[in-house]
Structures are given as structure tokens and as C-alpha cells.
Amino acid sequence: MNNKLIDLNNHLFAEMERLGDEELNGDSLTQEIERARAITGVASQIIANGALALRAEQFKSDIVSAKDAKVPKFLETE
């Protein structure tokens, strides 16, 4: 699988279209609502995972930057 965030976007908008179908009612509507809840749950986890990966990269970048920083002379200890 090689999914991208744009694919997630497409799935979410497709689900919105299905939920907006005026002819959907009764058990079909109930099933579609449950499906939407499942899709939303998975989407939330994908987004949270992406946010965690981004924070990890930012942290890694901060650490590398900190290693290159020089301590001012007046703060140096022997």
C-alpha cells in the first residue's frame, strides 16, 4: 500500500457524499452512519500518527541544531 493524505481526504469527502444522499434511510442510513464512525476513527489515528512523526522530526532537528550551537564564553566551565 502506498496511500497518501490526499487519499484519506478523498475517502472522507466520499463518505460525506454518501451520508448526504437524500434517498438513504432506515437500516441503510444506520449502516452508513456506523461506517462513517469507523472511517472517522481510522482517519483520526492516521492524523495523530502523522502529527507524532512530524513532532519527532522537529525534535530531531532541534537536537542537531543544539549540537552545533556554541556555549557563550561567560557560561563555559573549566
PDB file of N, CA and C in Angstrom:
ATOM      1  N   MET A   1       0.832  -1.185   0.000  1.00  0.00           N
ATOM      2  CA  MET A   1       0.000   0.000   0.000  1.00  0.00           C
ATOM      3  C   MET A   1       0.874   1.245   0.000  1.00  0.00           C
ATOM      4  N   ASN A   2       0.453   2.222  -0.761  1.00  0.00           N
ATOM      5  CA  ASN A   2       1.198   3.467  -0.840  1.00  0.00           C
ATOM      6  C   ASN A   2       0.222   4.637  -0.779  1.00  0.00           C
ATOM      7  N   ASN A   3      -0.566   4.671   0.298  1.00  0.00           N
ATOM      8  CA  ASN A   3      -1.571   5.719   0.440  1.00  0.00           C
ATOM      9  C   ASN A   3      -0.943   7.020   0.900  1.00  0.00           C
ATOM     10  N   LYS A   4      -1.559   8.101   0.519  1.00  0.00           N
ATOM     11  CA  LYS A   4      -1.110   9.435   0.903  1.00  0.00           C
ATOM     12  C   LYS A   4      -2.270  10.146   1.600  1.00  0.00           C
ATOM     13  N   LEU A   5      -1.962  11.273   2.244  1.00  0.00           N
ATOM     14  CA  LEU A   5      -3.009  12.009   2.949  1.00  0.00           C
ATOM     15  C   LEU A   5      -4.112  12.481   2.006  1.00  0.00           C
ATOM     16  N   ILE A   6      -3.781  12.735   0.761  1.00  0.00           N
ATOM     17  CA  ILE A   6      -4.813  13.138  -0.200  1.00  0.00           C
ATOM     18  C   ILE A   6      -5.823  12.002  -0.401  1.00  0.00           C
ATOM     19  N   ASP A   7      -5.358  10.752  -0.311  1.00  0.00           N
ATOM     20  CA  ASP A   7      -6.273   9.609  -0.419  1.00  0.00           C
ATOM     21  C   ASP A   7      -7.242   9.595   0.764  1.00  0.00           C
ATOM     22  N   LEU A   8      -6.730   9.893   1.943  1.00  0.00           N
ATOM     23  CA  LEU A   8      -7.591   9.975   3.126  1.00  0.00           C
ATOM     24  C   LEU A   8      -8.633  11.070   2.931  1.00  0.00           C
ATOM     25  N   ASN A   9      -8.184  12.207   2.446  1.00  0.00           N
ATOM     26  CA  ASN A   9      -9.105  13.312   2.154  1.00  0.00           C
ATOM     27  C   ASN A   9     -10.213  12.863   1.214  1.00  0.00           C
ATOM     28  N   ASN A  10      -9.834  12.161   0.154  1.00  0.00           N
ATOM     29  CA  ASN A  10     -10.815  11.686  -0.825  1.00  0.00           C
ATOM     30  C   ASN A  10     -11.827  10.733  -0.187  1.00  0.00           C
ATOM     31  N   HIS A  11     -11.351   9.834   0.674  1.00  0.00           N
ATOM     32  CA  HIS A  11     -12.250   8.892   1.356  1.00  0.00           C
ATOM     33  C   HIS A  11     -13.236   9.643   2.259  1.00  0.00           C
ATOM     34  N   LEU A  12     -12.728  10.642   2.977  1.00  0.00           N
ATOM     35  CA  LEU A  12     -13.599  11.396   3.881  1.00  0.00           C
ATOM     36  C   LEU A  12     -14.666  12.171   3.110  1.00  0.00           C
ATOM     37  N   PHE A  13     -14.276  12.780   2.007  1.00  0.00           N
ATOM     38  CA  PHE A  13     -15.267  13.514   1.216  1.00  0.00           C
ATOM     39  C   PHE A  13     -16.265  12.565   0.549  1.00  0.00           C
ATOM     40  N   ALA A  14     -15.805  11.403   0.129  1.00  0.00           N
ATOM     41  CA  ALA A  14     -16.726  10.412  -0.457  1.00  0.00           C
ATOM     42  C   ALA A  14     -17.751   9.972   0.589  1.00  0.00           C
ATOM     43  N   GLU A  15     -17.295   9.794   1.826  1.00  0.00           N
ATOM     44  CA  GLU A  15     -18.220   9.409   2.895  1.00  0.00           C
ATOM     45  C   GLU A  15     -19.235  10.525   3.155  1.00  0.00           C
ATOM     46  N   MET A  16     -18.790  11.761   3.115  1.00  0.00           N
ATOM     47  CA  MET A  16     -19.724  12.881   3.287  1.00  0.00           C
ATOM     48  C   MET A  16     -20.790  12.860   2.204  1.00  0.00           C
ATOM     49  N   GLU A  17     -20.400  12.550   0.985  1.00  0.00           N
ATOM     50  CA  GLU A  17     -21.371  12.479  -0.109  1.00  0.00           C
ATOM     51  C   GLU A  17     -22.374  11.357   0.117  1.00  0.00           C
ATOM     52  N   ARG A  18     -21.884  10.199   0.586  1.00  0.00           N
ATOM     53  CA  ARG A  18     -22.807   9.081   0.857  1.00  0.00           C
ATOM     54  C   ARG A  18     -23.783   9.445   1.965  1.00  0.00           C
ATOM     55  N   LEU A  19     -23.294  10.103   3.008  1.00  0.00           N
ATOM     56  CA  LEU A  19     -24.171  10.500   4.111  1.00  0.00           C
ATOM     57  C   LEU A  19     -25.187  11.554   3.680  1.00  0.00           C
ATOM     58  N   GLY A  20     -24.842  12.345   2.688  1.00  0.00           N
ATOM     59  CA  GLY A  20     -25.741  13.388   2.204  1.00  0.00           C
ATOM     60  C   GLY A  20     -26.775  12.900   1.209  1.00  0.00           C
ATOM     61  N   ASP A  21     -26.749  11.619   0.882  1.00  0.00           N
ATOM     62  CA  ASP A  21     -27.711  11.059  -0.071  1.00  0.00           C
ATOM     63  C   ASP A  21     -29.115  11.112   0.526  1.00  0.00           C
ATOM     64  N   GLU A  22     -29.983  11.894  -0.089  1.00  0.00           N
ATOM     65  CA  GLU A  22     -31.352  12.086   0.408  1.00  0.00           C
ATOM     66  C   GLU A  22     -32.168  10.798   0.381  1.00  0.00           C
ATOM     67  N   GLU A  23     -31.804   9.860  -0.460  1.00  0.00           N
ATOM     68  CA  GLU A  23     -32.572   8.610  -0.580  1.00  0.00           C
ATOM     69  C   GLU A  23     -32.151   7.568   0.459  1.00  0.00           C
ATOM     70  N   LEU A  24     -31.110   7.857   1.185  1.00  0.00           N
ATOM     71  CA  LEU A  24     -30.615   6.929   2.203  1.00  0.00           C
ATOM     72  C   LEU A  24     -31.486   7.055   3.449  1.00  0.00           C
ATOM     73  N   ASN A  25     -32.051   5.930   3.908  1.00  0.00           N
ATOM     74  CA  ASN A  25     -32.879   5.980   5.108  1.00  0.00           C
ATOM     75  C   ASN A  25     -32.915   4.606   5.761  1.00  0.00           C
ATOM     76  N   GLY A  26     -33.516   4.564   6.938  1.00  0.00           N
ATOM     77  CA  GLY A  26     -33.692   3.309   7.660  1.00  0.00           C
ATOM     78  C   GLY A  26     -32.383   2.610   7.964  1.00  0.00           C
ATOM     79  N   ASP A  27     -32.363   1.301   7.717  1.00  0.00           N
ATOM     80  CA  ASP A  27     -31.186   0.491   8.011  1.00  0.00           C
ATOM     81  C   ASP A  27     -29.976   0.905   7.172  1.00  0.00           C
ATOM     82  N   SER A  28     -30.222   1.324   5.938  1.00  0.00           N
ATOM     83  CA  SER A  28     -29.112   1.763   5.088  1.00  0.00           C
ATOM     84  C   SER A  28     -28.433   2.988   5.676  1.00  0.00           C
ATOM     85  N   LEU A  29     -29.229   3.909   6.187  1.00  0.00           N
ATOM     86  CA  LEU A  29     -28.678   5.112   6.800  1.00  0.00           C
ATOM     87  C   LEU A  29     -27.913   4.754   8.073  1.00  0.00           C
ATOM     88  N   THR A  30     -28.488   3.865   8.878  1.00  0.00           N
ATOM     89  CA  THR A  30     -27.824   3.429  10.109  1.00  0.00           C
ATOM     90  C   THR A  30     -26.480   2.780   9.789  1.00  0.00           C
ATOM     91  N   GLN A  31     -26.447   1.912   8.788  1.00  0.00           N
ATOM     92  CA  GLN A  31     -25.192   1.265   8.384  1.00  0.00           C
ATOM     93  C   GLN A  31     -24.183   2.291   7.895  1.00  0.00           C
ATOM     94  N   GLU A  32     -24.625   3.267   7.151  1.00  0.00           N
ATOM     95  CA  GLU A  32     -23.710   4.285   6.624  1.00  0.00           C
ATOM     96  C   GLU A  32     -23.158   5.148   7.751  1.00  0.00           C
ATOM     97  N   ILE A  33     -23.969   5.437   8.744  1.00  0.00           N
ATOM     98  CA  ILE A  33     -23.503   6.209   9.904  1.00  0.00           C
ATOM     99  C   ILE A  33     -22.436   5.421  10.655  1.00  0.00           C
ATOM    100  N   GLU A  34     -22.655   4.126  10.843  1.00  0.00           N
ATOM    101  CA  GLU A  34     -21.653   3.280  11.514  1.00  0.00           C
ATOM    102  C   GLU A  34     -20.358   3.230  10.696  1.00  0.00           C
ATOM    103  N   ARG A  35     -20.511   3.124   9.399  1.00  0.00           N
ATOM    104  CA  ARG A  35     -19.346   3.124   8.514  1.00  0.00           C
ATOM    105  C   ARG A  35     -18.583   4.440   8.647  1.00  0.00           C
ATOM    106  N   ALA A  36     -19.318   5.553   8.685  1.00  0.00           N
ATOM    107  CA  ALA A  36     -18.689   6.872   8.830  1.00  0.00           C
ATOM    108  C   ALA A  36     -17.927   6.970  10.148  1.00  0.00           C
ATOM    109  N   ARG A  37     -18.500   6.424  11.212  1.00  0.00           N
ATOM    110  CA  ARG A  37     -17.818   6.430  12.516  1.00  0.00           C
ATOM    111  C   ARG A  37     -16.517   5.632  12.449  1.00  0.00           C
ATOM    112  N   ALA A  38     -16.550   4.495  11.783  1.00  0.00           N
ATOM    113  CA  ALA A  38     -15.342   3.668  11.654  1.00  0.00           C
ATOM    114  C   ALA A  38     -14.276   4.399  10.837  1.00  0.00           C
ATOM    115  N   ILE A  39     -14.692   4.998   9.745  1.00  0.00           N
ATOM    116  CA  ILE A  39     -13.754   5.738   8.895  1.00  0.00           C
ATOM    117  C   ILE A  39     -13.156   6.909   9.666  1.00  0.00           C
ATOM    118  N   THR A  40     -13.992   7.613  10.419  1.00  0.00           N
ATOM    119  CA  THR A  40     -13.518   8.744  11.214  1.00  0.00           C
ATOM    120  C   THR A  40     -12.506   8.298  12.258  1.00  0.00           C
ATOM    121  N   GLY A  41     -12.751   7.160  12.898  1.00  0.00           N
ATOM    122  CA  GLY A  41     -11.819   6.636  13.896  1.00  0.00           C
ATOM    123  C   GLY A  41     -10.460   6.312  13.290  1.00  0.00           C
ATOM    124  N   VAL A  42     -10.468   5.653  12.153  1.00  0.00           N
ATOM    125  CA  VAL A  42      -9.220   5.323  11.479  1.00  0.00           C
ATOM    126  C   VAL A  42      -8.520   6.592  11.017  1.00  0.00           C
ATOM    127  N   ALA A  43      -9.279   7.527  10.453  1.00  0.00           N
ATOM    128  CA  ALA A  43      -8.699   8.785   9.982  1.00  0.00           C
ATOM    129  C   ALA A  43      -8.046   9.546  11.129  1.00  0.00           C
ATOM    130  N   SER A  44      -8.678   9.551  12.276  1.00  0.00           N
ATOM    131  CA  SER A  44      -8.119  10.243  13.441  1.00  0.00           C
ATOM    132  C   SER A  44      -6.784   9.637  13.845  1.00  0.00           C
ATOM    133  N   GLN A  45      -6.688   8.317  13.804  1.00  0.00           N
ATOM    134  CA  GLN A  45      -5.430   7.652  14.151  1.00  0.00           C
ATOM    135  C   GLN A  45      -4.333   7.948  13.124  1.00  0.00           C
ATOM    136  N   ILE A  46      -4.702   7.995  11.858  1.00  0.00           N
ATOM    137  CA  ILE A  46      -3.729   8.314  10.809  1.00  0.00           C
ATOM    138  C   ILE A  46      -3.203   9.734  11.007  1.00  0.00           C
ATOM    139  N   ILE A  47      -4.095  10.663  11.296  1.00  0.00           N
ATOM    140  CA  ILE A  47      -3.697  12.048  11.510  1.00  0.00           C
ATOM    141  C   ILE A  47      -2.827  12.171  12.760  1.00  0.00           C
ATOM    142  N   ALA A  48      -3.192  11.491  13.835  1.00  0.00           N
ATOM    143  CA  ALA A  48      -2.390  11.524  15.059  1.00  0.00           C
ATOM    144  C   ALA A  48      -1.005  10.939  14.816  1.00  0.00           C
ATOM    145  N   ASN A  49      -0.931   9.872  14.047  1.00  0.00           N
ATOM    146  CA  ASN A  49       0.354   9.259  13.728  1.00  0.00           C
ATOM    147  C   ASN A  49       1.221  10.226  12.922  1.00  0.00           C
ATOM    148  N   GLY A  50       0.617  10.914  11.966  1.00  0.00           N
ATOM    149  CA  GLY A  50       1.346  11.900  11.177  1.00  0.00           C
ATOM    150  C   GLY A  50       1.851  13.050  12.034  1.00  0.00           C
ATOM    151  N   ALA A  51       1.024  13.502  12.969  1.00  0.00           N
ATOM    152  CA  ALA A  51       1.420  14.584  13.871  1.00  0.00           C
ATOM    153  C   ALA A  51       2.590  14.147  14.760  1.00  0.00           C
ATOM    154  N   LEU A  52       2.555  12.901  15.237  1.00  0.00           N
ATOM    155  CA  LEU A  52       3.644  12.375  16.049  1.00  0.00           C
ATOM    156  C   LEU A  52       4.937  12.294  15.247  1.00  0.00           C
ATOM    157  N   ALA A  53       4.844  11.821  14.012  1.00  0.00           N
ATOM    158  CA  ALA A  53       6.023  11.732  13.155  1.00  0.00           C
ATOM    159  C   ALA A  53       6.613  13.116  12.902  1.00  0.00           C
ATOM    160  N   LEU A  54       5.755  14.108  12.693  1.00  0.00           N
ATOM    161  CA  LEU A  54       6.219  15.475  12.475  1.00  0.00           C
ATOM    162  C   LEU A  54       6.920  16.009  13.716  1.00  0.00           C
ATOM    163  N   ARG A  55       6.325  15.797  14.897  1.00  0.00           N
ATOM    164  CA  ARG A  55       6.961  16.250  16.142  1.00  0.00           C
ATOM    165  C   ARG A  55       8.304  15.577  16.354  1.00  0.00           C
ATOM    166  N   ALA A  56       8.409  14.299  16.015  1.00  0.00           N
ATOM    167  CA  ALA A  56       9.679  13.578  16.161  1.00  0.00           C
ATOM    168  C   ALA A  56      10.745  14.178  15.250  1.00  0.00           C
ATOM    169  N   GLU A  57      10.377  14.512  14.029  1.00  0.00           N
ATOM    170  CA  GLU A  57      11.334  15.133  13.098  1.00  0.00           C
ATOM    171  C   GLU A  57      11.755  16.507  13.592  1.00  0.00           C
ATOM    172  N   GLN A  58      10.819  17.265  14.135  1.00  0.00           N
ATOM    173  CA  GLN A  58      11.151  18.578  14.665  1.00  0.00           C
ATOM    174  C   GLN A  58      12.091  18.459  15.858  1.00  0.00           C
ATOM    175  N   PHE A  59      11.833  17.494  16.727  1.00  0.00           N
ATOM    176  CA  PHE A  59      12.687  17.255  17.888  1.00  0.00           C
ATOM    177  C   PHE A  59      14.089  16.867  17.435  1.00  0.00           C
ATOM    178  N   LYS A  60      14.156  15.976  16.456  1.00  0.00           N
ATOM    179  CA  LYS A  60      15.455  15.542  15.924  1.00  0.00           C
ATOM    180  C   LYS A  60      16.212  16.734  15.343  1.00  0.00           C
ATOM    181  N   SER A  61      15.527  17.574  14.628  1.00  0.00           N
ATOM    182  CA  SER A  61      16.138  18.767  14.048  1.00  0.00           C
ATOM    183  C   SER A  61      16.637  19.712  15.137  1.00  0.00           C
ATOM    184  N   ASP A  62      15.853  19.863  16.195  1.00  0.00           N
ATOM    185  CA  ASP A  62      16.258  20.727  17.313  1.00  0.00           C
ATOM    186  C   ASP A  62      17.511  20.194  17.994  1.00  0.00           C
ATOM    187  N   ILE A  63      17.609  18.874  18.142  1.00  0.00           N
ATOM    188  CA  ILE A  63      18.775  18.262  18.783  1.00  0.00           C
ATOM    189  C   ILE A  63      20.020  18.503  17.936  1.00  0.00           C
ATOM    190  N   VAL A  64      19.897  18.304  16.632  1.00  0.00           N
ATOM    191  CA  VAL A  64      21.044  18.520  15.735  1.00  0.00           C
ATOM    192  C   VAL A  64      21.465  19.980  15.790  1.00  0.00           C
ATOM    193  N   SER A  65      20.511  20.900  15.797  1.00  0.00           N
ATOM    194  CA  SER A  65      20.822  22.325  15.879  1.00  0.00           C
ATOM    195  C   SER A  65      21.502  22.664  17.200  1.00  0.00           C
ATOM    196  N   ALA A  66      21.047  22.029  18.266  1.00  0.00           N
ATOM    197  CA  ALA A  66      21.628  22.295  19.583  1.00  0.00           C
ATOM    198  C   ALA A  66      23.078  21.816  19.654  1.00  0.00           C
ATOM    199  N   LYS A  67      23.396  20.716  18.968  1.00  0.00           N
ATOM    200  CA  LYS A  67      24.771  20.208  18.976  1.00  0.00           C
ATOM    201  C   LYS A  67      25.714  21.171  18.277  1.00  0.00           C
ATOM    202  N   ASP A  68      25.214  21.892  17.297  1.00  0.00           N
ATOM    203  CA  ASP A  68      26.033  22.836  16.545  1.00  0.00           C
ATOM    204  C   ASP A  68      26.159  24.191  17.241  1.00  0.00           C
ATOM    205  N   ALA A  69      25.323  24.430  18.234  1.00  0.00           N
ATOM    206  CA  ALA A  69      25.343  25.716  18.930  1.00  0.00           C
ATOM    207  C   ALA A  69      26.556  25.790  19.844  1.00  0.00           C
ATOM    208  N   LYS A  70      27.079  26.975  19.988  1.00  0.00           N
ATOM    209  CA  LYS A  70      28.231  27.178  20.867  1.00  0.00           C
ATOM    210  C   LYS A  70      27.755  27.847  22.146  1.00  0.00           C
ATOM    211  N   VAL A  71      28.320  27.399  23.255  1.00  0.00           N
ATOM    212  CA  VAL A  71      28.003  27.977  24.552  1.00  0.00           C
ATOM    213  C   VAL A  71      28.767  29.297  24.670  1.00  0.00           C
ATOM    214  N   PRO A  72      28.088  30.359  25.068  1.00  0.00           N
ATOM    215  CA  PRO A  72      28.803  31.626  25.247  1.00  0.00           C
ATOM    216  C   PRO A  72      29.934  31.481  26.260  1.00  0.00           C
ATOM    217  N   LYS A  73      31.031  32.179  26.025  1.00  0.00           N
ATOM    218  CA  LYS A  73      32.247  32.088  26.872  1.00  0.00           C
ATOM    219  C   LYS A  73      31.917  32.264  28.346  1.00  0.00           C
ATOM    220  N   PHE A  74      31.075  33.232  28.648  1.00  0.00           N
ATOM    221  CA  PHE A  74      30.825  33.506  30.071  1.00  0.00           C
ATOM    222  C   PHE A  74      30.071  32.369  30.760  1.00  0.00           C
ATOM    223  N   LEU A  75      29.493  31.452  29.989  1.00  0.00           N
ATOM    224  CA  LEU A  75      28.798  30.310  30.600  1.00  0.00           C
ATOM    225  C   LEU A  75      29.663  29.046  30.648  1.00  0.00           C
ATOM    226  N   GLU A  76      30.795  29.076  29.998  1.00  0.00           N
ATOM    227  CA  GLU A  76      31.662  27.889  29.969  1.00  0.00           C
ATOM    228  C   GLU A  76      32.254  27.637  31.341  1.00  0.00           C
ATOM    229  N   THR A  77      32.356  26.365  31.666  1.00  0.00           N
ATOM    230  CA  THR A  77      33.051  25.973  32.897  1.00  0.00           C
ATOM    231  C   THR A  77      34.352  25.292  32.501  1.00  0.00           C
ATOM    232  N   GLU A  78      35.238  25.218  33.406  1.00  0.00           N
ATOM    233  CA  GLU A  78      36.546  24.658  33.089  1.00  0.00           C
ATOM    234  C   GLU A  78      36.462  23.273  32.632  1.00  0.00           C
TER     235      GLU A  78
END
